PDB file of N, CA and C in Angstrom:
ATOM      1  N   MET A   1       0.904  -1.231   0.024  1.00  0.00           N
ATOM      2  CA  MET A   1       0.059  -0.030   0.084  1.00  0.00           C
ATOM      3  C   MET A   1       0.786   1.250   0.048  1.00  0.00           C
ATOM      4  N   GLN A   2       0.253   2.388  -0.231  1.00  0.00           N
ATOM      5  CA  GLN A   2       1.067   3.611  -0.199  1.00  0.00           C
ATOM      6  C   GLN A   2       0.252   4.596   0.558  1.00  0.00           C
ATOM      7  N   ILE A   3       0.896   5.256   1.531  1.00  0.00           N
ATOM      8  CA  ILE A   3       0.344   6.343   2.405  1.00  0.00           C
ATOM      9  C   ILE A   3       1.015   7.660   1.947  1.00  0.00           C
ATOM     10  N   GLU A   4       0.485   8.732   2.520  1.00  0.00           N
ATOM     11  CA  GLU A   4       1.168  10.004   2.260  1.00  0.00           C
ATOM     12  C   GLU A   4       1.910  10.325   3.597  1.00  0.00           C
ATOM     13  N   LEU A   5       3.245  10.501   3.539  1.00  0.00           N
ATOM     14  CA  LEU A   5       3.986  10.891   4.655  1.00  0.00           C
ATOM     15  C   LEU A   5       4.725  12.164   4.526  1.00  0.00           C
ATOM     16  N   ASN A   6       4.317  13.066   5.340  1.00  0.00           N
ATOM     17  CA  ASN A   6       4.815  14.401   5.204  1.00  0.00           C
ATOM     18  C   ASN A   6       4.598  15.023   3.881  1.00  0.00           C
ATOM     19  N   GLY A   7       3.466  14.736   3.236  1.00  0.00           N
ATOM     20  CA  GLY A   7       3.169  15.370   1.925  1.00  0.00           C
ATOM     21  C   GLY A   7       3.720  14.550   0.705  1.00  0.00           C
ATOM     22  N   LYS A   8       4.398  13.457   0.942  1.00  0.00           N
ATOM     23  CA  LYS A   8       4.977  12.644  -0.164  1.00  0.00           C
ATOM     24  C   LYS A   8       4.546  11.331  -0.100  1.00  0.00           C
ATOM     25  N   PRO A   9       4.380  10.535  -1.296  1.00  0.00           N
ATOM     26  CA  PRO A   9       3.978   9.164  -1.266  1.00  0.00           C
ATOM     27  C   PRO A   9       5.076   8.345  -0.546  1.00  0.00           C
ATOM     28  N   HIS A  10       4.582   7.331   0.190  1.00  0.00           N
ATOM     29  CA  HIS A  10       5.438   6.417   1.009  1.00  0.00           C
ATOM     30  C   HIS A  10       4.849   5.022   0.930  1.00  0.00           C
ATOM     31  N   PRO A  11       5.709   4.021   0.339  1.00  0.00           N
ATOM     32  CA  PRO A  11       5.189   2.722   0.372  1.00  0.00           C
ATOM     33  C   PRO A  11       5.323   2.010   1.682  1.00  0.00           C
ATOM     34  N   LEU A  12       4.379   1.159   2.037  1.00  0.00           N
ATOM     35  CA  LEU A  12       4.304   0.361   3.294  1.00  0.00           C
ATOM     36  C   LEU A  12       3.703  -0.937   2.959  1.00  0.00           C
ATOM     37  N   PRO A  13       4.096  -1.986   3.789  1.00  0.00           N
ATOM     38  CA  PRO A  13       3.317  -3.320   3.572  1.00  0.00           C
ATOM     39  C   PRO A  13       1.916  -3.105   4.017  1.00  0.00           C
ATOM     40  N   ASP A  14       0.981  -3.879   3.441  1.00  0.00           N
ATOM     41  CA  ASP A  14      -0.402  -3.824   3.921  1.00  0.00           C
ATOM     42  C   ASP A  14      -0.483  -4.179   5.391  1.00  0.00           C
ATOM     43  N   GLY A  15      -1.299  -3.474   6.125  1.00  0.00           N
ATOM     44  CA  GLY A  15      -1.552  -3.796   7.544  1.00  0.00           C
ATOM     45  C   GLY A  15      -0.457  -3.213   8.451  1.00  0.00           C
ATOM     46  N   ALA A  16       0.472  -2.410   7.948  1.00  0.00           N
ATOM     47  CA  ALA A  16       1.499  -1.894   8.735  1.00  0.00           C
ATOM     48  C   ALA A  16       0.853  -0.952   9.824  1.00  0.00           C
ATOM     49  N   THR A  17       1.510  -0.877  10.956  1.00  0.00           N
ATOM     50  CA  THR A  17       1.049  -0.061  12.068  1.00  0.00           C
ATOM     51  C   THR A  17       1.952   1.231  12.078  1.00  0.00           C
ATOM     52  N   LEU A  18       1.458   2.151  12.766  1.00  0.00           N
ATOM     53  CA  LEU A  18       2.146   3.396  12.966  1.00  0.00           C
ATOM     54  C   LEU A  18       3.513   3.155  13.713  1.00  0.00           C
ATOM     55  N   GLU A  19       3.522   2.204  14.656  1.00  0.00           N
ATOM     56  CA  GLU A  19       4.742   1.857  15.247  1.00  0.00           C
ATOM     57  C   GLU A  19       5.732   1.230  14.314  1.00  0.00           C
ATOM     58  N   GLN A  20       5.282   0.459  13.376  1.00  0.00           N
ATOM     59  CA  GLN A  20       6.195  -0.156  12.294  1.00  0.00           C
ATOM     60  C   GLN A  20       6.818   1.001  11.362  1.00  0.00           C
ATOM     61  N   LEU A  21       5.980   1.969  11.097  1.00  0.00           N
ATOM     62  CA  LEU A  21       6.387   3.051  10.182  1.00  0.00           C
ATOM     63  C   LEU A  21       7.482   3.887  10.970  1.00  0.00           C
ATOM     64  N   ILE A  22       7.200   4.155  12.240  1.00  0.00           N
ATOM     65  CA  ILE A  22       8.265   4.890  12.999  1.00  0.00           C
ATOM     66  C   ILE A  22       9.619   4.100  13.119  1.00  0.00           C
ATOM     67  N   ALA A  23       9.453   2.791  13.277  1.00  0.00           N
ATOM     68  CA  ALA A  23      10.657   1.963  13.319  1.00  0.00           C
ATOM     69  C   ALA A  23      11.342   2.014  12.003  1.00  0.00           C
ATOM     70  N   ALA A  24      10.631   1.906  10.888  1.00  0.00           N
ATOM     71  CA  ALA A  24      11.186   1.875   9.641  1.00  0.00           C
ATOM     72  C   ALA A  24      11.809   3.254   9.250  1.00  0.00           C
ATOM     73  N   LEU A  25      11.450   4.298   9.838  1.00  0.00           N
ATOM     74  CA  LEU A  25      12.015   5.571   9.689  1.00  0.00           C
ATOM     75  C   LEU A  25      13.135   5.849  10.642  1.00  0.00           C
ATOM     76  N   GLU A  26      13.536   4.803  11.452  1.00  0.00           N
ATOM     77  CA  GLU A  26      14.569   4.844  12.473  1.00  0.00           C
ATOM     78  C   GLU A  26      14.380   6.034  13.485  1.00  0.00           C
ATOM     79  N   LEU A  27      13.078   6.171  13.893  1.00  0.00           N
ATOM     80  CA  LEU A  27      12.740   7.318  14.850  1.00  0.00           C
ATOM     81  C   LEU A  27      12.297   6.714  16.167  1.00  0.00           C
ATOM     82  N   THR A  28      12.388   5.385  16.449  1.00  0.00           N
ATOM     83  CA  THR A  28      12.024   4.743  17.653  1.00  0.00           C
ATOM     84  C   THR A  28      12.799   5.379  18.729  1.00  0.00           C
ATOM     85  N   GLY A  29      12.047   5.757  19.888  1.00  0.00           N
ATOM     86  CA  GLY A  29      12.829   6.378  21.104  1.00  0.00           C
ATOM     87  C   GLY A  29      13.208   7.795  20.933  1.00  0.00           C
ATOM     88  N   ARG A  30      12.886   8.366  19.816  1.00  0.00           N
ATOM     89  CA  ARG A  30      13.166   9.806  19.601  1.00  0.00           C
ATOM     90  C   ARG A  30      11.993  10.659  19.895  1.00  0.00           C
ATOM     91  N   ALA A  31      12.201  11.911  20.133  1.00  0.00           N
ATOM     92  CA  ALA A  31      11.105  12.840  20.412  1.00  0.00           C
ATOM     93  C   ALA A  31      10.374  13.282  19.165  1.00  0.00           C
ATOM     94  N   VAL A  32       9.269  12.564  18.874  1.00  0.00           N
ATOM     95  CA  VAL A  32       8.496  12.869  17.679  1.00  0.00           C
ATOM     96  C   VAL A  32       7.071  12.921  18.055  1.00  0.00           C
ATOM     97  N   ALA A  33       6.360  13.714  17.284  1.00  0.00           N
ATOM     98  CA  ALA A  33       4.919  13.793  17.332  1.00  0.00           C
ATOM     99  C   ALA A  33       4.321  13.304  16.037  1.00  0.00           C
ATOM    100  N   VAL A  34       3.239  12.471  16.025  1.00  0.00           N
ATOM    101  CA  VAL A  34       2.716  11.928  14.898  1.00  0.00           C
ATOM    102  C   VAL A  34       1.242  12.282  14.789  1.00  0.00           C
ATOM    103  N   ALA A  35       0.785  12.720  13.647  1.00  0.00           N
ATOM    104  CA  ALA A  35      -0.567  12.861  13.430  1.00  0.00           C
ATOM    105  C   ALA A  35      -0.980  12.059  12.130  1.00  0.00           C
ATOM    106  N   VAL A  36      -2.195  11.438  12.234  1.00  0.00           N
ATOM    107  CA  VAL A  36      -2.839  10.633  11.094  1.00  0.00           C
ATOM    108  C   VAL A  36      -4.099  11.401  10.759  1.00  0.00           C
ATOM    109  N   ASN A  37      -4.079  11.784   9.549  1.00  0.00           N
ATOM    110  CA  ASN A  37      -5.260  12.544   8.986  1.00  0.00           C
ATOM    111  C   ASN A  37      -5.616  13.662   9.912  1.00  0.00           C
ATOM    112  N   ARG A  38      -4.548  14.460  10.305  1.00  0.00           N
ATOM    113  CA  ARG A  38      -4.622  15.681  11.085  1.00  0.00           C
ATOM    114  C   ARG A  38      -5.042  15.421  12.527  1.00  0.00           C
ATOM    115  N   GLN A  39      -5.090  14.183  13.020  1.00  0.00           N
ATOM    116  CA  GLN A  39      -5.424  13.878  14.401  1.00  0.00           C
ATOM    117  C   GLN A  39      -4.043  13.361  15.073  1.00  0.00           C
ATOM    118  N   VAL A  40      -3.675  13.999  16.154  1.00  0.00           N
ATOM    119  CA  VAL A  40      -2.460  13.508  16.861  1.00  0.00           C
ATOM    120  C   VAL A  40      -2.735  12.108  17.441  1.00  0.00           C
ATOM    121  N   VAL A  41      -1.842  11.231  17.315  1.00  0.00           N
ATOM    122  CA  VAL A  41      -1.917   9.914  17.957  1.00  0.00           C
ATOM    123  C   VAL A  41      -0.883   9.808  18.914  1.00  0.00           C
ATOM    124  N   PRO A  42      -1.339   9.571  20.143  1.00  0.00           N
ATOM    125  CA  PRO A  42      -0.354   9.434  21.267  1.00  0.00           C
ATOM    126  C   PRO A  42       0.608   8.183  21.020  1.00  0.00           C
ATOM    127  N   ALA A  43       1.737   8.238  21.562  1.00  0.00           N
ATOM    128  CA  ALA A  43       2.807   7.193  21.265  1.00  0.00           C
ATOM    129  C   ALA A  43       2.270   5.890  21.829  1.00  0.00           C
ATOM    130  N   GLN A  44       1.498   5.887  22.878  1.00  0.00           N
ATOM    131  CA  GLN A  44       0.937   4.617  23.528  1.00  0.00           C
ATOM    132  C   GLN A  44       0.032   3.949  22.550  1.00  0.00           C
ATOM    133  N   GLN A  45      -0.516   4.586  21.608  1.00  0.00           N
ATOM    134  CA  GLN A  45      -1.425   3.926  20.681  1.00  0.00           C
ATOM    135  C   GLN A  45      -0.855   3.630  19.295  1.00  0.00           C
ATOM    136  N   TRP A  46       0.452   3.886  19.152  1.00  0.00           N
ATOM    137  CA  TRP A  46       1.139   3.574  17.768  1.00  0.00           C
ATOM    138  C   TRP A  46       1.079   2.130  17.369  1.00  0.00           C
ATOM    139  N   ALA A  47       1.217   1.216  18.303  1.00  0.00           N
ATOM    140  CA  ALA A  47       1.246  -0.238  18.028  1.00  0.00           C
ATOM    141  C   ALA A  47      -0.175  -0.668  17.545  1.00  0.00           C
ATOM    142  N   ALA A  48      -1.147  -0.071  18.061  1.00  0.00           N
ATOM    143  CA  ALA A  48      -2.455  -0.535  17.717  1.00  0.00           C
ATOM    144  C   ALA A  48      -3.090   0.271  16.497  1.00  0.00           C
ATOM    145  N   ARG A  49      -2.413   1.243  16.077  1.00  0.00           N
ATOM    146  CA  ARG A  49      -3.035   2.079  14.986  1.00  0.00           C
ATOM    147  C   ARG A  49      -2.404   1.511  13.610  1.00  0.00           C
ATOM    148  N   ALA A  50      -3.284   0.675  13.019  1.00  0.00           N
ATOM    149  CA  ALA A  50      -3.076   0.177  11.672  1.00  0.00           C
ATOM    150  C   ALA A  50      -3.251   1.328  10.653  1.00  0.00           C
ATOM    151  N   LEU A  51      -2.387   1.350   9.671  1.00  0.00           N
ATOM    152  CA  LEU A  51      -2.472   2.360   8.597  1.00  0.00           C
ATOM    153  C   LEU A  51      -3.250   1.804   7.356  1.00  0.00           C
ATOM    154  N   VAL A  52      -3.898   2.595   6.711  1.00  0.00           N
ATOM    155  CA  VAL A  52      -4.606   2.234   5.456  1.00  0.00           C
ATOM    156  C   VAL A  52      -4.164   3.137   4.308  1.00  0.00           C
ATOM    157  N   GLU A  53      -4.414   2.710   3.127  1.00  0.00           N
ATOM    158  CA  GLU A  53      -4.023   3.353   1.860  1.00  0.00           C
ATOM    159  C   GLU A  53      -4.296   4.875   1.878  1.00  0.00           C
ATOM    160  N   THR A  54      -5.388   5.333   2.435  1.00  0.00           N
ATOM    161  CA  THR A  54      -5.792   6.686   2.292  1.00  0.00           C
ATOM    162  C   THR A  54      -5.191   7.628   3.388  1.00  0.00           C
ATOM    163  N   ASP A  55      -4.390   6.974   4.288  1.00  0.00           N
ATOM    164  CA  ASP A  55      -3.954   7.785   5.471  1.00  0.00           C
ATOM    165  C   ASP A  55      -2.912   8.885   5.101  1.00  0.00           C
ATOM    166  N   LYS A  56      -3.057  10.003   5.691  1.00  0.00           N
ATOM    167  CA  LYS A  56      -1.970  11.063   5.573  1.00  0.00           C
ATOM    168  C   LYS A  56      -1.289  11.180   6.898  1.00  0.00           C
ATOM    169  N   VAL A  57      -0.018  10.874   6.940  1.00  0.00           N
ATOM    170  CA  VAL A  57       0.759  10.876   8.215  1.00  0.00           C
ATOM    171  C   VAL A  57       1.744  11.955   8.173  1.00  0.00           C
ATOM    172  N   ASP A  58       1.685  12.676   9.359  1.00  0.00           N
ATOM    173  CA  ASP A  58       2.763  13.764   9.539  1.00  0.00           C
ATOM    174  C   ASP A  58       3.642  13.448  10.685  1.00  0.00           C
ATOM    175  N   VAL A  59       4.872  13.488  10.532  1.00  0.00           N
ATOM    176  CA  VAL A  59       5.867  13.069  11.625  1.00  0.00           C
ATOM    177  C   VAL A  59       6.643  14.392  11.821  1.00  0.00           C
ATOM    178  N   VAL A  60       6.680  14.912  13.069  1.00  0.00           N
ATOM    179  CA  VAL A  60       7.402  16.009  13.319  1.00  0.00           C
ATOM    180  C   VAL A  60       8.402  15.744  14.539  1.00  0.00           C
ATOM    181  N   ARG A  61       9.710  15.996  14.262  1.00  0.00           N
ATOM    182  CA  ARG A  61      10.728  15.820  15.311  1.00  0.00           C
ATOM    183  C   ARG A  61      10.965  17.038  16.070  1.00  0.00           C
ATOM    184  N   ALA A  62      11.119  16.817  17.392  1.00  0.00           N
ATOM    185  CA  ALA A  62      11.431  17.928  18.292  1.00  0.00           C
ATOM    186  C   ALA A  62      12.886  18.260  18.179  1.00  0.00           C
ATOM    187  N   ILE A  63      13.139  19.568  18.077  1.00  0.00           N
ATOM    188  CA  ILE A  63      14.498  20.094  17.943  1.00  0.00           C
ATOM    189  C   ILE A  63      14.852  21.076  18.971  1.00  0.00           C
ATOM    190  N   GLY A  64      15.804  20.815  19.788  1.00  0.00           N
ATOM    191  CA  GLY A  64      16.173  21.725  20.870  1.00  0.00           C
ATOM    192  C   GLY A  64      16.940  23.005  20.387  1.00  0.00           C
ATOM    193  N   GLY A  65      16.749  24.011  21.084  1.00  0.00           N
ATOM    194  CA  GLY A  65      17.498  25.262  20.630  1.00  0.00           C
ATOM    195  C   GLY A  65      17.439  26.232  21.859  1.00  0.00           C
ATOM    196  N   GLY A  66      18.002  27.440  21.587  1.00  0.00           N
ATOM    197  CA  GLY A  66      18.078  28.353  22.634  1.00  0.00           C
ATOM    198  C   GLY A  66      17.760  29.776  22.146  1.00  0.00           C
TER     199      GLY A  66
END
């Protein structure tokens, strides 16, 4: 299947979860916020949130600064 990730097409296996996407992006354990179809999904729900073809996912990394 193909989802939209940060505005660009991104291929994923059918039935992939949000947790699997974050792992594939090598962002596990990093400070990130994730929204699916403009709805923020808490990290505790990533493993249970299956993605589907029409999903639009936005991943934002926290960047420290001063």
